[in-house]
All heavy atoms as atom14 arrays in JSON, in Angstrom:
{
  "sequence": "SFNAVFLQGDSVGDVMLYGRGAGALPTGSAIVSD",
  "atom14_mask": [
    [1, 1, 1, 1, 1, 1, 0, 0, 0, 0, 0, 0, 0, 0],
    [1, 1, 1, 1, 1, 1, 1, 1, 1, 1, 1, 0, 0, 0],
    [1, 1, 1, 1, 1, 1, 1, 1, 0, 0, 0, 0, 0, 0],
    [1, 1, 1, 1, 1, 0, 0, 0, 0, 0, 0, 0, 0, 0],
    [1, 1, 1, 1, 1, 1, 1, 0, 0, 0, 0, 0, 0, 0],
    [1, 1, 1, 1, 1, 1, 1, 1, 1, 1, 1, 0, 0, 0],
    [1, 1, 1, 1, 1, 1, 1, 1, 0, 0, 0, 0, 0, 0],
    [1, 1, 1, 1, 1, 1, 1, 1, 1, 0, 0, 0, 0, 0],
    [1, 1, 1, 1, 0, 0, 0, 0, 0, 0, 0, 0, 0, 0],
    [1, 1, 1, 1, 1, 1, 1, 1, 0, 0, 0, 0, 0, 0],
    [1, 1, 1, 1, 1, 1, 0, 0, 0, 0, 0, 0, 0, 0],
    [1, 1, 1, 1, 1, 1, 1, 0, 0, 0, 0, 0, 0, 0],
    [1, 1, 1, 1, 0, 0, 0, 0, 0, 0, 0, 0, 0, 0],
    [1, 1, 1, 1, 1, 1, 1, 1, 0, 0, 0, 0, 0, 0],
    [1, 1, 1, 1, 1, 1, 1, 0, 0, 0, 0, 0, 0, 0],
    [1, 1, 1, 1, 1, 1, 1, 1, 0, 0, 0, 0, 0, 0],
    [1, 1, 1, 1, 1, 1, 1, 1, 0, 0, 0, 0, 0, 0],
    [1, 1, 1, 1, 1, 1, 1, 1, 1, 1, 1, 1, 0, 0],
    [1, 1, 1, 1, 0, 0, 0, 0, 0, 0, 0, 0, 0, 0],
    [1, 1, 1, 1, 1, 1, 1, 1, 1, 1, 1, 0, 0, 0],
    [1, 1, 1, 1, 0, 0, 0, 0, 0, 0, 0, 0, 0, 0],
    [1, 1, 1, 1, 1, 0, 0, 0, 0, 0, 0, 0, 0, 0],
    [1, 1, 1, 1, 0, 0, 0, 0, 0, 0, 0, 0, 0, 0],
    [1, 1, 1, 1, 1, 0, 0, 0, 0, 0, 0, 0, 0, 0],
    [1, 1, 1, 1, 1, 1, 1, 1, 0, 0, 0, 0, 0, 0],
    [1, 1, 1, 1, 1, 1, 1, 0, 0, 0, 0, 0, 0, 0],
    [1, 1, 1, 1, 1, 1, 1, 0, 0, 0, 0, 0, 0, 0],
    [1, 1, 1, 1, 0, 0, 0, 0, 0, 0, 0, 0, 0, 0],
    [1, 1, 1, 1, 1, 1, 0, 0, 0, 0, 0, 0, 0, 0],
    [1, 1, 1, 1, 1, 0, 0, 0, 0, 0, 0, 0, 0, 0],
    [1, 1, 1, 1, 1, 1, 1, 1, 0, 0, 0, 0, 0, 0],
    [1, 1, 1, 1, 1, 1, 1, 0, 0, 0, 0, 0, 0, 0],
    [1, 1, 1, 1, 1, 1, 0, 0, 0, 0, 0, 0, 0, 0],
    [1, 1, 1, 1, 1, 1, 1, 1, 0, 0, 0, 0, 0, 0]
  ],
  "atom14_positions": [
    [[0.82, -1.2, -0.01], [0.04, 0.0, 0.01], [0.87, 1.27, 0.0], [0.28, 2.36, 0.17], [-0.91, 0.02, 1.21], [-0.15, -0.05, 2.41], [0.0, 0.0, 0.0], [0.0, 0.0, 0.0], [0.0, 0.0, 0.0], [0.0, 0.0, 0.0], [0.0, 0.0, 0.0], [0.0, 0.0, 0.0], [0.0, 0.0, 0.0], [0.0, 0.0, 0.0]],
    [[2.19, 1.15, -0.24], [3.0, 2.32, -0.23], [2.83, 3.08, -1.57], [2.42, 2.5, -2.58], [4.47, 1.92, -0.09], [4.87, 1.63, 1.29], [4.63, 0.37, 1.91], [5.43, 2.64, 2.11], [5.0, 0.03, 3.21], [5.77, 2.36, 3.43], [5.56, 1.13, 3.98], [0.0, 0.0, 0.0], [0.0, 0.0, 0.0], [0.0, 0.0, 0.0]],
    [[3.1, 4.38, -1.51], [3.0, 5.28, -2.65], [4.34, 5.93, -2.9], [5.24, 5.96, -2.02], [1.97, 6.35, -2.37], [0.52, 5.96, -2.52], [-0.34, 6.79, -2.51], [0.28, 4.62, -2.62], [0.0, 0.0, 0.0], [0.0, 0.0, 0.0], [0.0, 0.0, 0.0], [0.0, 0.0, 0.0], [0.0, 0.0, 0.0], [0.0, 0.0, 0.0]],
    [[4.53, 6.45, -4.09], [5.74, 7.23, -4.4], [5.49, 8.1, -5.59], [4.65, 7.81, -6.44], [6.94, 6.29, -4.67], [0.0, 0.0, 0.0], [0.0, 0.0, 0.0], [0.0, 0.0, 0.0], [0.0, 0.0, 0.0], [0.0, 0.0, 0.0], [0.0, 0.0, 0.0], [0.0, 0.0, 0.0], [0.0, 0.0, 0.0], [0.0, 0.0, 0.0]],
    [[6.18, 9.22, -5.59], [6.11, 10.18, -6.76], [7.51, 10.51, -7.25], [8.34, 10.81, -6.42], [5.37, 11.45, -6.47], [5.27, 12.37, -7.65], [3.95, 11.16, -5.93], [0.0, 0.0, 0.0], [0.0, 0.0, 0.0], [0.0, 0.0, 0.0], [0.0, 0.0, 0.0], [0.0, 0.0, 0.0], [0.0, 0.0, 0.0], [0.0, 0.0, 0.0]],
    [[7.78, 10.35, -8.56], [9.03, 10.53, -9.16], [8.96, 11.85, -9.97], [8.21, 11.89, -10.92], [9.39, 9.33, -10.03], [10.83, 9.37, -10.54], [11.86, 8.95, -9.77], [11.08, 9.74, -11.84], [13.17, 8.92, -10.28], [12.33, 9.72, -12.41], [13.39, 9.29, -11.62], [0.0, 0.0, 0.0], [0.0, 0.0, 0.0], [0.0, 0.0, 0.0]],
    [[9.72, 12.84, -9.62], [9.69, 14.16, -10.28], [10.98, 14.35, -11.05], [12.06, 13.93, -10.64], [9.58, 15.3, -9.21], [8.37, 15.3, -8.3], [8.52, 16.35, -7.2], [7.07, 15.58, -9.11], [0.0, 0.0, 0.0], [0.0, 0.0, 0.0], [0.0, 0.0, 0.0], [0.0, 0.0, 0.0], [0.0, 0.0, 0.0], [0.0, 0.0, 0.0]],
    [[10.87, 15.17, -12.13], [12.03, 15.57, -12.92], [11.97, 17.07, -13.1], [11.09, 17.6, -13.83], [12.06, 14.85, -14.24], [12.43, 13.34, -14.15], [12.49, 12.65, -15.49], [11.7, 12.83, -16.35], [13.56, 11.86, -15.63], [0.0, 0.0, 0.0], [0.0, 0.0, 0.0], [0.0, 0.0, 0.0], [0.0, 0.0, 0.0], [0.0, 0.0, 0.0]],
    [[12.91, 17.75, -12.46], [13.03, 19.19, -12.65], [14.24, 19.56, -13.47], [15.19, 18.82, -13.57], [0.0, 0.0, 0.0], [0.0, 0.0, 0.0], [0.0, 0.0, 0.0], [0.0, 0.0, 0.0], [0.0, 0.0, 0.0], [0.0, 0.0, 0.0], [0.0, 0.0, 0.0], [0.0, 0.0, 0.0], [0.0, 0.0, 0.0], [0.0, 0.0, 0.0]],
    [[14.12, 20.72, -14.19], [15.21, 21.03, -15.11], [16.59, 21.35, -14.37], [17.62, 21.18, -14.94], [14.79, 22.2, -16.0], [14.61, 23.5, -15.26], [14.39, 23.51, -14.02], [14.69, 24.58, -15.9], [0.0, 0.0, 0.0], [0.0, 0.0, 0.0], [0.0, 0.0, 0.0], [0.0, 0.0, 0.0], [0.0, 0.0, 0.0], [0.0, 0.0, 0.0]],
    [[16.52, 21.79, -13.15], [17.7, 22.11, -12.4], [18.11, 21.01, -11.45], [19.29, 20.62, -11.41], [17.52, 23.41, -11.6], [17.28, 24.46, -12.48], [0.0, 0.0, 0.0], [0.0, 0.0, 0.0], [0.0, 0.0, 0.0], [0.0, 0.0, 0.0], [0.0, 0.0, 0.0], [0.0, 0.0, 0.0], [0.0, 0.0, 0.0], [0.0, 0.0, 0.0]],
    [[17.2, 20.49, -10.64], [17.53, 19.5, -9.63], [17.7, 18.1, -10.23], [18.34, 17.26, -9.68], [16.43, 19.52, -8.54], [15.13, 18.89, -9.05], [16.96, 18.78, -7.26], [0.0, 0.0, 0.0], [0.0, 0.0, 0.0], [0.0, 0.0, 0.0], [0.0, 0.0, 0.0], [0.0, 0.0, 0.0], [0.0, 0.0, 0.0], [0.0, 0.0, 0.0]],
    [[17.08, 17.85, -11.38], [17.09, 16.5, -11.93], [15.96, 15.6, -11.33], [14.88, 16.05, -11.2], [0.0, 0.0, 0.0], [0.0, 0.0, 0.0], [0.0, 0.0, 0.0], [0.0, 0.0, 0.0], [0.0, 0.0, 0.0], [0.0, 0.0, 0.0], [0.0, 0.0, 0.0], [0.0, 0.0, 0.0], [0.0, 0.0, 0.0], [0.0, 0.0, 0.0]],
    [[16.35, 14.43, -10.9], [15.37, 13.46, -10.41], [15.18, 13.61, -8.88], [16.18, 13.64, -8.2], [15.8, 12.02, -10.72], [15.87, 11.71, -12.21], [15.28, 12.54, -13.02], [16.53, 10.73, -12.61], [0.0, 0.0, 0.0], [0.0, 0.0, 0.0], [0.0, 0.0, 0.0], [0.0, 0.0, 0.0], [0.0, 0.0, 0.0], [0.0, 0.0, 0.0]],
    [[13.95, 13.59, -8.47], [13.63, 13.58, -7.06], [12.51, 12.57, -6.85], [11.51, 12.51, -7.65], [13.13, 14.96, -6.6], [12.59, 14.91, -5.15], [14.18, 16.02, -6.77], [0.0, 0.0, 0.0], [0.0, 0.0, 0.0], [0.0, 0.0, 0.0], [0.0, 0.0, 0.0], [0.0, 0.0, 0.0], [0.0, 0.0, 0.0], [0.0, 0.0, 0.0]],
    [[12.59, 11.7, -5.86], [11.57, 10.79, -5.57], [11.16, 10.83, -4.06], [11.99, 10.87, -3.25], [12.02, 9.35, -5.92], [10.84, 8.27, -5.72], [11.22, 6.75, -6.5], [10.9, 5.65, -5.18], [0.0, 0.0, 0.0], [0.0, 0.0, 0.0], [0.0, 0.0, 0.0], [0.0, 0.0, 0.0], [0.0, 0.0, 0.0], [0.0, 0.0, 0.0]],
    [[9.83, 10.87, -3.89], [9.29, 10.86, -2.53], [8.49, 9.56, -2.35], [7.76, 9.13, -3.25], [8.36, 12.06, -2.28], [9.0, 13.43, -2.18], [9.15, 14.03, -3.61], [8.28, 14.34, -1.31], [0.0, 0.0, 0.0], [0.0, 0.0, 0.0], [0.0, 0.0, 0.0], [0.0, 0.0, 0.0], [0.0, 0.0, 0.0], [0.0, 0.0, 0.0]],
    [[8.66, 8.94, -1.17], [8.13, 7.59, -0.95], [7.59, 7.52, 0.49], [8.14, 8.07, 1.41], [9.26, 6.56, -1.14], [8.96, 5.2, -0.61], [8.37, 4.27, -1.4], [9.41, 4.8, 0.66], [8.11, 2.98, -1.0], [9.18, 3.52, 1.09], [8.54, 2.57, 0.29], [8.31, 1.31, 0.75], [0.0, 0.0, 0.0], [0.0, 0.0, 0.0]],
    [[6.38, 6.83, 0.65], [5.91, 6.63, 1.99], [4.51, 6.06, 1.94], [4.05, 5.6, 0.93], [0.0, 0.0, 0.0], [0.0, 0.0, 0.0], [0.0, 0.0, 0.0], [0.0, 0.0, 0.0], [0.0, 0.0, 0.0], [0.0, 0.0, 0.0], [0.0, 0.0, 0.0], [0.0, 0.0, 0.0], [0.0, 0.0, 0.0], [0.0, 0.0, 0.0]],
    [[3.86, 6.06, 3.09], [2.48, 5.49, 3.17], [1.56, 6.46, 2.58], [1.46, 7.62, 2.95], [2.15, 5.15, 4.61], [3.03, 4.05, 5.19], [2.45, 3.47, 6.47], [3.27, 2.36, 6.95], [3.14, 1.05, 6.52], [2.21, 0.82, 5.62], [3.96, 0.1, 6.99], [0.0, 0.0, 0.0], [0.0, 0.0, 0.0], [0.0, 0.0, 0.0]],
    [[0.65, 5.92, 1.65], [-0.27, 6.76, 0.99], [-1.64, 6.93, 1.58], [-2.47, 7.63, 1.03], [0.0, 0.0, 0.0], [0.0, 0.0, 0.0], [0.0, 0.0, 0.0], [0.0, 0.0, 0.0], [0.0, 0.0, 0.0], [0.0, 0.0, 0.0], [0.0, 0.0, 0.0], [0.0, 0.0, 0.0], [0.0, 0.0, 0.0], [0.0, 0.0, 0.0]],
    [[-1.88, 6.25, 2.68], [-3.21, 6.33, 3.32], [-3.06, 5.9, 4.76], [-1.97, 5.5, 5.23], [-4.18, 5.45, 2.56], [0.0, 0.0, 0.0], [0.0, 0.0, 0.0], [0.0, 0.0, 0.0], [0.0, 0.0, 0.0], [0.0, 0.0, 0.0], [0.0, 0.0, 0.0], [0.0, 0.0, 0.0], [0.0, 0.0, 0.0], [0.0, 0.0, 0.0]],
    [[-4.18, 5.96, 5.5], [-4.2, 5.51, 6.89], [-4.44, 6.66, 7.85], [-4.23, 7.8, 7.53], [0.0, 0.0, 0.0], [0.0, 0.0, 0.0], [0.0, 0.0, 0.0], [0.0, 0.0, 0.0], [0.0, 0.0, 0.0], [0.0, 0.0, 0.0], [0.0, 0.0, 0.0], [0.0, 0.0, 0.0], [0.0, 0.0, 0.0], [0.0, 0.0, 0.0]],
    [[-4.91, 6.32, 9.0], [-5.24, 7.33, 10.01], [-4.09, 8.27, 10.34], [-4.19, 9.48, 10.34], [-5.83, 6.62, 11.27], [0.0, 0.0, 0.0], [0.0, 0.0, 0.0], [0.0, 0.0, 0.0], [0.0, 0.0, 0.0], [0.0, 0.0, 0.0], [0.0, 0.0, 0.0], [0.0, 0.0, 0.0], [0.0, 0.0, 0.0], [0.0, 0.0, 0.0]],
    [[-2.97, 7.65, 10.74], [-1.81, 8.47, 11.21], [-1.01, 9.08, 10.07], [-0.65, 10.27, 10.17], [-0.96, 7.69, 12.14], [-1.61, 7.2, 13.45], [-0.67, 6.43, 14.35], [-2.24, 8.37, 14.21], [0.0, 0.0, 0.0], [0.0, 0.0, 0.0], [0.0, 0.0, 0.0], [0.0, 0.0, 0.0], [0.0, 0.0, 0.0], [0.0, 0.0, 0.0]],
    [[-0.72, 8.39, 8.94], [-0.05, 9.06, 7.87], [-0.8, 10.25, 7.32], [-0.23, 11.31, 7.11], [0.17, 7.94, 6.83], [0.14, 6.67, 7.61], [-0.82, 6.94, 8.79], [0.0, 0.0, 0.0], [0.0, 0.0, 0.0], [0.0, 0.0, 0.0], [0.0, 0.0, 0.0], [0.0, 0.0, 0.0], [0.0, 0.0, 0.0], [0.0, 0.0, 0.0]],
    [[-2.12, 10.04, 7.1], [-2.88, 11.19, 6.54], [-3.07, 12.23, 7.63], [-3.03, 13.46, 7.34], [-4.3, 10.71, 6.06], [-4.09, 9.6, 5.16], [-5.07, 11.82, 5.42], [0.0, 0.0, 0.0], [0.0, 0.0, 0.0], [0.0, 0.0, 0.0], [0.0, 0.0, 0.0], [0.0, 0.0, 0.0], [0.0, 0.0, 0.0], [0.0, 0.0, 0.0]],
    [[-3.28, 11.84, 8.92], [-3.34, 12.82, 9.96], [-2.04, 13.6, 10.07], [-2.12, 14.83, 10.41], [0.0, 0.0, 0.0], [0.0, 0.0, 0.0], [0.0, 0.0, 0.0], [0.0, 0.0, 0.0], [0.0, 0.0, 0.0], [0.0, 0.0, 0.0], [0.0, 0.0, 0.0], [0.0, 0.0, 0.0], [0.0, 0.0, 0.0], [0.0, 0.0, 0.0]],
    [[-0.92, 13.0, 9.83], [0.36, 13.68, 9.85], [0.37, 14.81, 8.87], [0.86, 15.94, 9.13], [1.51, 12.67, 9.5], [2.71, 13.36, 9.23], [0.0, 0.0, 0.0], [0.0, 0.0, 0.0], [0.0, 0.0, 0.0], [0.0, 0.0, 0.0], [0.0, 0.0, 0.0], [0.0, 0.0, 0.0], [0.0, 0.0, 0.0], [0.0, 0.0, 0.0]],
    [[-0.11, 14.56, 7.65], [-0.16, 15.59, 6.58], [-1.13, 16.76, 6.99], [-0.87, 17.93, 6.82], [-0.6, 14.95, 5.23], [0.0, 0.0, 0.0], [0.0, 0.0, 0.0], [0.0, 0.0, 0.0], [0.0, 0.0, 0.0], [0.0, 0.0, 0.0], [0.0, 0.0, 0.0], [0.0, 0.0, 0.0], [0.0, 0.0, 0.0], [0.0, 0.0, 0.0]],
    [[-2.24, 16.38, 7.61], [-3.2, 17.4, 8.07], [-2.6, 18.27, 9.17], [-2.64, 19.51, 9.12], [-4.49, 16.74, 8.6], [-5.24, 16.12, 7.45], [-5.32, 17.71, 9.34], [-6.38, 15.21, 7.87], [0.0, 0.0, 0.0], [0.0, 0.0, 0.0], [0.0, 0.0, 0.0], [0.0, 0.0, 0.0], [0.0, 0.0, 0.0], [0.0, 0.0, 0.0]],
    [[-1.94, 17.67, 10.16], [-1.37, 18.42, 11.25], [-0.18, 19.3, 10.73], [-0.01, 20.39, 11.18], [-0.92, 17.49, 12.38], [-0.19, 18.31, 13.45], [-2.11, 16.74, 12.96], [0.0, 0.0, 0.0], [0.0, 0.0, 0.0], [0.0, 0.0, 0.0], [0.0, 0.0, 0.0], [0.0, 0.0, 0.0], [0.0, 0.0, 0.0], [0.0, 0.0, 0.0]],
    [[0.5, 18.78, 9.76], [1.58, 19.6, 9.14], [1.05, 20.87, 8.53], [1.58, 21.95, 8.72], [2.28, 18.76, 8.05], [3.22, 19.56, 7.29], [0.0, 0.0, 0.0], [0.0, 0.0, 0.0], [0.0, 0.0, 0.0], [0.0, 0.0, 0.0], [0.0, 0.0, 0.0], [0.0, 0.0, 0.0], [0.0, 0.0, 0.0], [0.0, 0.0, 0.0]],
    [[-0.1, 20.76, 7.86], [-0.77, 21.9, 7.33], [-1.27, 22.86, 8.38], [-1.14, 24.09, 8.3], [-1.96, 21.51, 6.44], [-1.58, 21.33, 4.97], [-0.47, 21.68, 4.6], [-2.39, 20.74, 4.25], [0.0, 0.0, 0.0], [0.0, 0.0, 0.0], [0.0, 0.0, 0.0], [0.0, 0.0, 0.0], [0.0, 0.0, 0.0], [0.0, 0.0, 0.0]]
  ]
}
């Protein structure tokens, strides 16, 4: 159930973010961060 996003920027090149894409605490973490 893990998620990831692979980005390509013209200056930075490749960037990838990886982690849990759902669930009470992972999603709650994003809400509290906001």
